[in-house]
Every structure is written in C-alpha cells, then in structure tokens.
Amino acid sequence: MKKIIVFGFAIIISSFAFGQSSIEDQVADTACICLSAIDSSKISSNSNGFKMACLQQAMIKNKEAVLKNFETEKRREEDEAKLGLKGSLMIKVQNVLVKRCSAYNLFEKKIQERRVP
C-alpha cells in the first residue's frame, strides 16, 4: 500500500515539475481513449472513418484549450502558414499518437492493409 501511495505522490510531483502537457499531448490522449474504446472487430470495416471521428472528437473536446494555446499571434501565424490551425495541430497529434497509442497504430495498420490489394 505504501508503494502505491509513494508512486502516486511521485507522479503528482513530476507533473508539477514538468508543467502541463502540450496541447498536442492533451488532444492525443483524448483521441487515444476514443480509439481504444472501439471494438477491434469493427476496425477492419471502417478504420479510417473511426480514426478521423476520434481525432475530430478529441479536437472538439479540447476546443477551449486549443483556442487558448493558439491565441498568441506568433503561434497562430506560424501554424496558419503551414496547413492552417487545425491541420498542423492534427499532424502533430498524429505524431504523438504514433509514439504513445497502440490503438492508433492498430488503426494505421488496418488502413494500410486495406490499401494493399
């Protein structure tokens, strides 16, 4: 029991030490939860549709944080110059998902399998 309390305390301390996670991490975490909740037997039928729906849902759920993060003129101009605000954020979120979300990687694998004849 003491180990669990010490571990939990260490996590809380580390979160304060490293500050808030980035907006990309926050949206990626939300998307990963959504993707993980989808029944794996349904993935093959519409993997890209499910993936995009979860990414959009994650953006909507974190809309306030996204807008606050991009309210600085410099960040907004940098991102709009690339692919537009949501486009560049979506790419960054997907890069985080590739590294940290096994459900996302499963979706990507299924999408690639459908493309190969």
N, C-alpha and C. Protein backbone atom coordinates (compact mmCIF):
# COMPACT_ATOMS: atom_id res chain seq x y z
N MET A 1 0.83 -1.19 0.00
CA MET A 1 0.00 0.00 0.00
C MET A 1 0.87 1.25 0.00
N LYS A 2 1.97 1.20 0.77
CA LYS A 2 2.85 2.35 0.83
C LYS A 2 3.49 2.63 -0.52
N LYS A 3 3.79 1.55 -1.25
CA LYS A 3 4.40 1.72 -2.57
C LYS A 3 3.47 2.45 -3.52
N ILE A 4 2.19 2.13 -3.44
CA ILE A 4 1.20 2.79 -4.31
C ILE A 4 1.10 4.26 -3.96
N ILE A 5 1.08 4.57 -2.68
CA ILE A 5 0.99 5.97 -2.25
C ILE A 5 2.23 6.74 -2.67
N VAL A 6 3.40 6.13 -2.48
CA VAL A 6 4.66 6.78 -2.87
C VAL A 6 4.69 6.98 -4.39
N PHE A 7 4.26 5.97 -5.14
CA PHE A 7 4.24 6.06 -6.60
C PHE A 7 3.30 7.18 -7.05
N GLY A 8 2.10 7.23 -6.47
CA GLY A 8 1.14 8.28 -6.81
C GLY A 8 1.68 9.66 -6.48
N PHE A 9 2.34 9.77 -5.34
CA PHE A 9 2.93 11.04 -4.94
C PHE A 9 4.03 11.45 -5.91
N ALA A 10 4.83 10.48 -6.36
CA ALA A 10 5.90 10.76 -7.32
C ALA A 10 5.32 11.26 -8.64
N ILE A 11 4.21 10.69 -9.06
CA ILE A 11 3.57 11.13 -10.31
C ILE A 11 3.08 12.57 -10.17
N ILE A 12 2.47 12.88 -9.06
CA ILE A 12 1.98 14.24 -8.83
C ILE A 12 3.12 15.23 -8.83
N ILE A 13 4.19 14.91 -8.13
CA ILE A 13 5.36 15.79 -8.08
C ILE A 13 5.96 15.99 -9.47
N SER A 14 6.08 14.89 -10.23
CA SER A 14 6.67 15.01 -11.56
C SER A 14 5.80 15.84 -12.49
N SER A 15 4.47 15.77 -12.32
CA SER A 15 3.60 16.57 -13.18
C SER A 15 3.77 18.06 -12.89
N PHE A 16 4.02 18.40 -11.62
CA PHE A 16 4.29 19.80 -11.30
C PHE A 16 5.66 20.22 -11.80
N ALA A 17 6.62 19.32 -11.71
CA ALA A 17 7.99 19.63 -12.13
C ALA A 17 8.07 19.87 -13.63
N PHE A 18 7.34 19.10 -14.40
CA PHE A 18 7.40 19.22 -15.85
C PHE A 18 6.32 20.13 -16.41
N GLY A 19 5.42 20.62 -15.59
CA GLY A 19 4.38 21.52 -16.05
C GLY A 19 3.28 20.80 -16.78
N GLN A 20 2.39 21.55 -17.34
CA GLN A 20 1.27 20.99 -18.09
C GLN A 20 1.78 20.34 -19.37
N SER A 21 1.08 19.33 -19.82
CA SER A 21 1.45 18.72 -21.08
C SER A 21 1.07 19.66 -22.22
N SER A 22 1.66 19.42 -23.36
CA SER A 22 1.36 20.27 -24.51
C SER A 22 -0.06 20.01 -25.00
N ILE A 23 -0.56 20.93 -25.80
CA ILE A 23 -1.90 20.78 -26.35
C ILE A 23 -1.94 19.54 -27.25
N GLU A 24 -0.85 19.26 -27.94
CA GLU A 24 -0.79 18.08 -28.78
C GLU A 24 -0.95 16.81 -27.95
N ASP A 25 -0.28 16.77 -26.80
CA ASP A 25 -0.39 15.62 -25.90
C ASP A 25 -1.81 15.48 -25.37
N GLN A 26 -2.40 16.59 -25.01
CA GLN A 26 -3.76 16.59 -24.44
C GLN A 26 -4.77 16.05 -25.46
N VAL A 27 -4.71 16.55 -26.68
CA VAL A 27 -5.63 16.09 -27.73
C VAL A 27 -5.34 14.63 -28.08
N ALA A 28 -4.06 14.26 -28.13
CA ALA A 28 -3.69 12.87 -28.44
C ALA A 28 -4.22 11.91 -27.37
N ASP A 29 -4.13 12.30 -26.12
CA ASP A 29 -4.65 11.45 -25.04
C ASP A 29 -6.15 11.22 -25.20
N THR A 30 -6.88 12.27 -25.51
CA THR A 30 -8.32 12.16 -25.71
C THR A 30 -8.63 11.26 -26.90
N ALA A 31 -7.90 11.44 -27.99
CA ALA A 31 -8.12 10.62 -29.18
C ALA A 31 -7.78 9.15 -28.90
N CYS A 32 -6.73 8.91 -28.16
CA CYS A 32 -6.34 7.53 -27.86
C CYS A 32 -7.41 6.83 -27.03
N ILE A 33 -8.00 7.53 -26.09
CA ILE A 33 -9.08 6.95 -25.29
C ILE A 33 -10.24 6.56 -26.19
N CYS A 34 -10.59 7.43 -27.12
CA CYS A 34 -11.68 7.16 -28.06
C CYS A 34 -11.36 5.95 -28.93
N LEU A 35 -10.15 5.92 -29.48
CA LEU A 35 -9.75 4.81 -30.35
C LEU A 35 -9.72 3.48 -29.59
N SER A 36 -9.27 3.53 -28.35
CA SER A 36 -9.17 2.32 -27.54
C SER A 36 -10.54 1.76 -27.19
N ALA A 37 -11.55 2.59 -27.19
CA ALA A 37 -12.90 2.16 -26.82
C ALA A 37 -13.63 1.45 -27.96
N ILE A 38 -13.10 1.54 -29.17
CA ILE A 38 -13.76 0.93 -30.33
C ILE A 38 -13.45 -0.56 -30.37
N ASP A 39 -14.47 -1.35 -30.56
CA ASP A 39 -14.33 -2.80 -30.63
C ASP A 39 -13.41 -3.18 -31.80
N SER A 40 -12.40 -3.97 -31.50
CA SER A 40 -11.41 -4.32 -32.53
C SER A 40 -12.01 -5.07 -33.72
N SER A 41 -13.13 -5.72 -33.53
CA SER A 41 -13.76 -6.43 -34.66
C SER A 41 -14.37 -5.45 -35.66
N LYS A 42 -14.66 -4.24 -35.23
CA LYS A 42 -15.24 -3.24 -36.13
C LYS A 42 -14.19 -2.43 -36.88
N ILE A 43 -12.96 -2.51 -36.45
CA ILE A 43 -11.90 -1.68 -37.03
C ILE A 43 -11.72 -1.94 -38.51
N SER A 44 -11.74 -3.18 -38.91
CA SER A 44 -11.49 -3.52 -40.32
C SER A 44 -12.52 -2.92 -41.26
N SER A 45 -13.75 -2.77 -40.80
CA SER A 45 -14.81 -2.30 -41.69
C SER A 45 -14.68 -0.83 -42.07
N ASN A 46 -14.27 0.00 -41.15
CA ASN A 46 -14.20 1.43 -41.44
C ASN A 46 -13.11 2.08 -40.58
N SER A 47 -11.90 1.58 -40.69
CA SER A 47 -10.82 2.04 -39.82
C SER A 47 -10.51 3.53 -39.99
N ASN A 48 -10.46 4.00 -41.22
CA ASN A 48 -10.14 5.42 -41.43
C ASN A 48 -11.27 6.31 -40.91
N GLY A 49 -12.50 5.91 -41.10
CA GLY A 49 -13.64 6.70 -40.60
C GLY A 49 -13.64 6.80 -39.09
N PHE A 50 -13.40 5.67 -38.41
CA PHE A 50 -13.33 5.67 -36.95
C PHE A 50 -12.17 6.55 -36.46
N LYS A 51 -11.03 6.42 -37.12
CA LYS A 51 -9.84 7.19 -36.73
C LYS A 51 -10.13 8.69 -36.84
N MET A 52 -10.68 9.11 -37.97
CA MET A 52 -10.95 10.53 -38.17
C MET A 52 -12.02 11.04 -37.21
N ALA A 53 -13.02 10.21 -36.92
CA ALA A 53 -14.06 10.60 -35.98
C ALA A 53 -13.48 10.83 -34.59
N CYS A 54 -12.58 9.96 -34.17
CA CYS A 54 -11.96 10.12 -32.86
C CYS A 54 -11.05 11.35 -32.81
N LEU A 55 -10.33 11.60 -33.89
CA LEU A 55 -9.47 12.80 -33.93
C LEU A 55 -10.32 14.07 -33.87
N GLN A 56 -11.41 14.10 -34.61
CA GLN A 56 -12.31 15.27 -34.58
C GLN A 56 -12.94 15.44 -33.20
N GLN A 57 -13.37 14.32 -32.62
CA GLN A 57 -13.97 14.36 -31.29
C GLN A 57 -12.96 14.90 -30.27
N ALA A 58 -11.71 14.49 -30.38
CA ALA A 58 -10.68 14.96 -29.47
C ALA A 58 -10.45 16.46 -29.62
N MET A 59 -10.49 16.95 -30.86
CA MET A 59 -10.33 18.39 -31.10
C MET A 59 -11.50 19.16 -30.48
N ILE A 60 -12.70 18.64 -30.64
CA ILE A 60 -13.89 19.30 -30.11
C ILE A 60 -13.86 19.31 -28.58
N LYS A 61 -13.53 18.18 -27.98
CA LYS A 61 -13.50 18.09 -26.51
C LYS A 61 -12.45 19.01 -25.91
N ASN A 62 -11.40 19.29 -26.65
CA ASN A 62 -10.31 20.14 -26.16
C ASN A 62 -10.32 21.52 -26.82
N LYS A 63 -11.46 21.90 -27.39
CA LYS A 63 -11.55 23.14 -28.16
C LYS A 63 -11.08 24.36 -27.36
N GLU A 64 -11.52 24.48 -26.14
CA GLU A 64 -11.15 25.64 -25.33
C GLU A 64 -9.64 25.70 -25.11
N ALA A 65 -9.04 24.56 -24.80
CA ALA A 65 -7.59 24.52 -24.59
C ALA A 65 -6.83 24.80 -25.89
N VAL A 66 -7.36 24.29 -27.00
CA VAL A 66 -6.73 24.54 -28.30
C VAL A 66 -6.75 26.02 -28.61
N LEU A 67 -7.91 26.64 -28.45
CA LEU A 67 -8.02 28.07 -28.75
C LEU A 67 -7.14 28.91 -27.84
N LYS A 68 -7.08 28.56 -26.57
CA LYS A 68 -6.23 29.29 -25.63
C LYS A 68 -4.77 29.15 -26.00
N ASN A 69 -4.37 27.96 -26.40
CA ASN A 69 -2.99 27.70 -26.78
C ASN A 69 -2.58 28.47 -28.02
N PHE A 70 -3.50 28.62 -28.96
CA PHE A 70 -3.19 29.27 -30.22
C PHE A 70 -3.58 30.75 -30.25
N GLU A 71 -3.91 31.30 -29.07
CA GLU A 71 -4.34 32.69 -29.07
C GLU A 71 -3.19 33.67 -29.27
N THR A 72 -1.97 33.21 -29.04
CA THR A 72 -0.85 34.11 -29.28
C THR A 72 -0.69 34.30 -30.78
N GLU A 73 -0.48 35.49 -31.19
CA GLU A 73 -0.40 35.84 -32.61
C GLU A 73 0.72 35.06 -33.30
N LYS A 74 1.87 34.91 -32.64
CA LYS A 74 3.00 34.24 -33.27
C LYS A 74 2.68 32.79 -33.56
N ARG A 75 2.12 32.08 -32.61
CA ARG A 75 1.81 30.66 -32.81
C ARG A 75 0.76 30.50 -33.91
N ARG A 76 -0.23 31.37 -33.91
CA ARG A 76 -1.29 31.28 -34.91
C ARG A 76 -0.73 31.51 -36.31
N GLU A 77 0.11 32.53 -36.46
CA GLU A 77 0.69 32.83 -37.78
C GLU A 77 1.58 31.69 -38.27
N GLU A 78 2.37 31.11 -37.35
CA GLU A 78 3.25 30.00 -37.75
C GLU A 78 2.43 28.83 -38.26
N ASP A 79 1.36 28.50 -37.57
CA ASP A 79 0.57 27.34 -37.95
C ASP A 79 -0.30 27.60 -39.18
N GLU A 80 -0.83 28.79 -39.31
CA GLU A 80 -1.63 29.10 -40.49
C GLU A 80 -0.78 29.12 -41.74
N ALA A 81 0.48 29.46 -41.60
CA ALA A 81 1.39 29.47 -42.74
C ALA A 81 1.65 28.05 -43.23
N LYS A 82 1.50 27.07 -42.35
CA LYS A 82 1.73 25.67 -42.74
C LYS A 82 0.47 25.09 -43.37
N LEU A 83 -0.39 24.55 -42.56
CA LEU A 83 -1.58 23.88 -43.08
C LEU A 83 -2.87 24.43 -42.51
N GLY A 84 -2.80 25.55 -41.88
CA GLY A 84 -3.96 26.04 -41.16
C GLY A 84 -3.91 25.52 -39.74
N LEU A 85 -4.60 26.18 -38.89
CA LEU A 85 -4.53 25.89 -37.46
C LEU A 85 -4.80 24.43 -37.14
N LYS A 86 -5.92 23.92 -37.58
CA LYS A 86 -6.28 22.54 -37.24
C LYS A 86 -5.44 21.53 -38.01
N GLY A 87 -5.03 21.87 -39.21
CA GLY A 87 -4.23 20.93 -39.99
C GLY A 87 -2.88 20.65 -39.36
N SER A 88 -2.17 21.68 -38.96
CA SER A 88 -0.85 21.47 -38.37
C SER A 88 -0.97 20.81 -37.00
N LEU A 89 -1.98 21.17 -36.24
CA LEU A 89 -2.19 20.54 -34.94
C LEU A 89 -2.53 19.07 -35.12
N MET A 90 -3.34 18.75 -36.09
CA MET A 90 -3.74 17.36 -36.34
C MET A 90 -2.52 16.51 -36.69
N ILE A 91 -1.62 17.04 -37.48
CA ILE A 91 -0.40 16.31 -37.83
C ILE A 91 0.45 16.06 -36.58
N LYS A 92 0.59 17.08 -35.74
CA LYS A 92 1.37 16.93 -34.51
C LYS A 92 0.72 15.92 -33.57
N VAL A 93 -0.59 15.94 -33.49
CA VAL A 93 -1.32 15.00 -32.64
C VAL A 93 -1.09 13.57 -33.14
N GLN A 94 -1.16 13.37 -34.44
CA GLN A 94 -0.95 12.04 -35.00
C GLN A 94 0.48 11.56 -34.77
N ASN A 95 1.44 12.47 -34.78
CA ASN A 95 2.82 12.10 -34.47
C ASN A 95 2.95 11.62 -33.03
N VAL A 96 2.24 12.26 -32.12
CA VAL A 96 2.23 11.83 -30.72
C VAL A 96 1.56 10.47 -30.60
N LEU A 97 0.44 10.30 -31.30
CA LEU A 97 -0.29 9.03 -31.24
C LEU A 97 0.56 7.86 -31.73
N VAL A 98 1.34 8.07 -32.77
CA VAL A 98 2.20 7.01 -33.30
C VAL A 98 3.16 6.52 -32.21
N LYS A 99 3.65 7.44 -31.42
CA LYS A 99 4.62 7.09 -30.38
C LYS A 99 3.99 6.48 -29.14
N ARG A 100 2.75 6.91 -28.81
CA ARG A 100 2.21 6.56 -27.49
C ARG A 100 0.90 5.79 -27.47
N CYS A 101 0.27 5.55 -28.60
CA CYS A 101 -1.06 4.94 -28.57
C CYS A 101 -1.10 3.67 -29.42
N SER A 102 -1.14 2.53 -28.77
CA SER A 102 -1.15 1.27 -29.51
C SER A 102 -2.44 1.11 -30.33
N ALA A 103 -3.55 1.66 -29.84
CA ALA A 103 -4.80 1.58 -30.60
C ALA A 103 -4.68 2.35 -31.91
N TYR A 104 -4.03 3.51 -31.89
CA TYR A 104 -3.83 4.28 -33.11
C TYR A 104 -2.99 3.49 -34.11
N ASN A 105 -1.95 2.85 -33.62
CA ASN A 105 -1.10 2.05 -34.50
C ASN A 105 -1.86 0.88 -35.11
N LEU A 106 -2.78 0.30 -34.37
CA LEU A 106 -3.62 -0.77 -34.91
C LEU A 106 -4.49 -0.23 -36.04
N PHE A 107 -5.07 0.96 -35.85
CA PHE A 107 -5.88 1.57 -36.90
C PHE A 107 -5.04 1.83 -38.14
N GLU A 108 -3.86 2.37 -37.95
CA GLU A 108 -2.98 2.65 -39.09
C GLU A 108 -2.63 1.36 -39.84
N LYS A 109 -2.39 0.30 -39.10
CA LYS A 109 -2.08 -0.99 -39.72
C LYS A 109 -3.27 -1.47 -40.56
N LYS A 110 -4.48 -1.36 -40.01
CA LYS A 110 -5.68 -1.81 -40.74
C LYS A 110 -5.91 -0.96 -41.98
N ILE A 111 -5.64 0.34 -41.87
CA ILE A 111 -5.80 1.23 -43.03
C ILE A 111 -4.83 0.82 -44.13
N GLN A 112 -3.59 0.53 -43.77
CA GLN A 112 -2.58 0.12 -44.75
C GLN A 112 -2.94 -1.22 -45.38
N GLU A 113 -3.48 -2.14 -44.59
CA GLU A 113 -3.89 -3.44 -45.12
C GLU A 113 -4.98 -3.30 -46.16
N ARG A 114 -5.89 -2.36 -45.96
CA ARG A 114 -6.99 -2.18 -46.92
C ARG A 114 -6.49 -1.56 -48.21
N ARG A 115 -5.40 -0.83 -48.16
CA ARG A 115 -4.86 -0.18 -49.37
C ARG A 115 -4.13 -1.17 -50.27
N VAL A 116 -3.57 -2.21 -49.68
CA VAL A 116 -2.83 -3.21 -50.45
C VAL A 116 -3.81 -4.23 -51.01
N PRO A 117 -3.81 -4.39 -52.33
CA PRO A 117 -4.77 -5.35 -52.93
C PRO A 117 -4.44 -6.79 -52.65
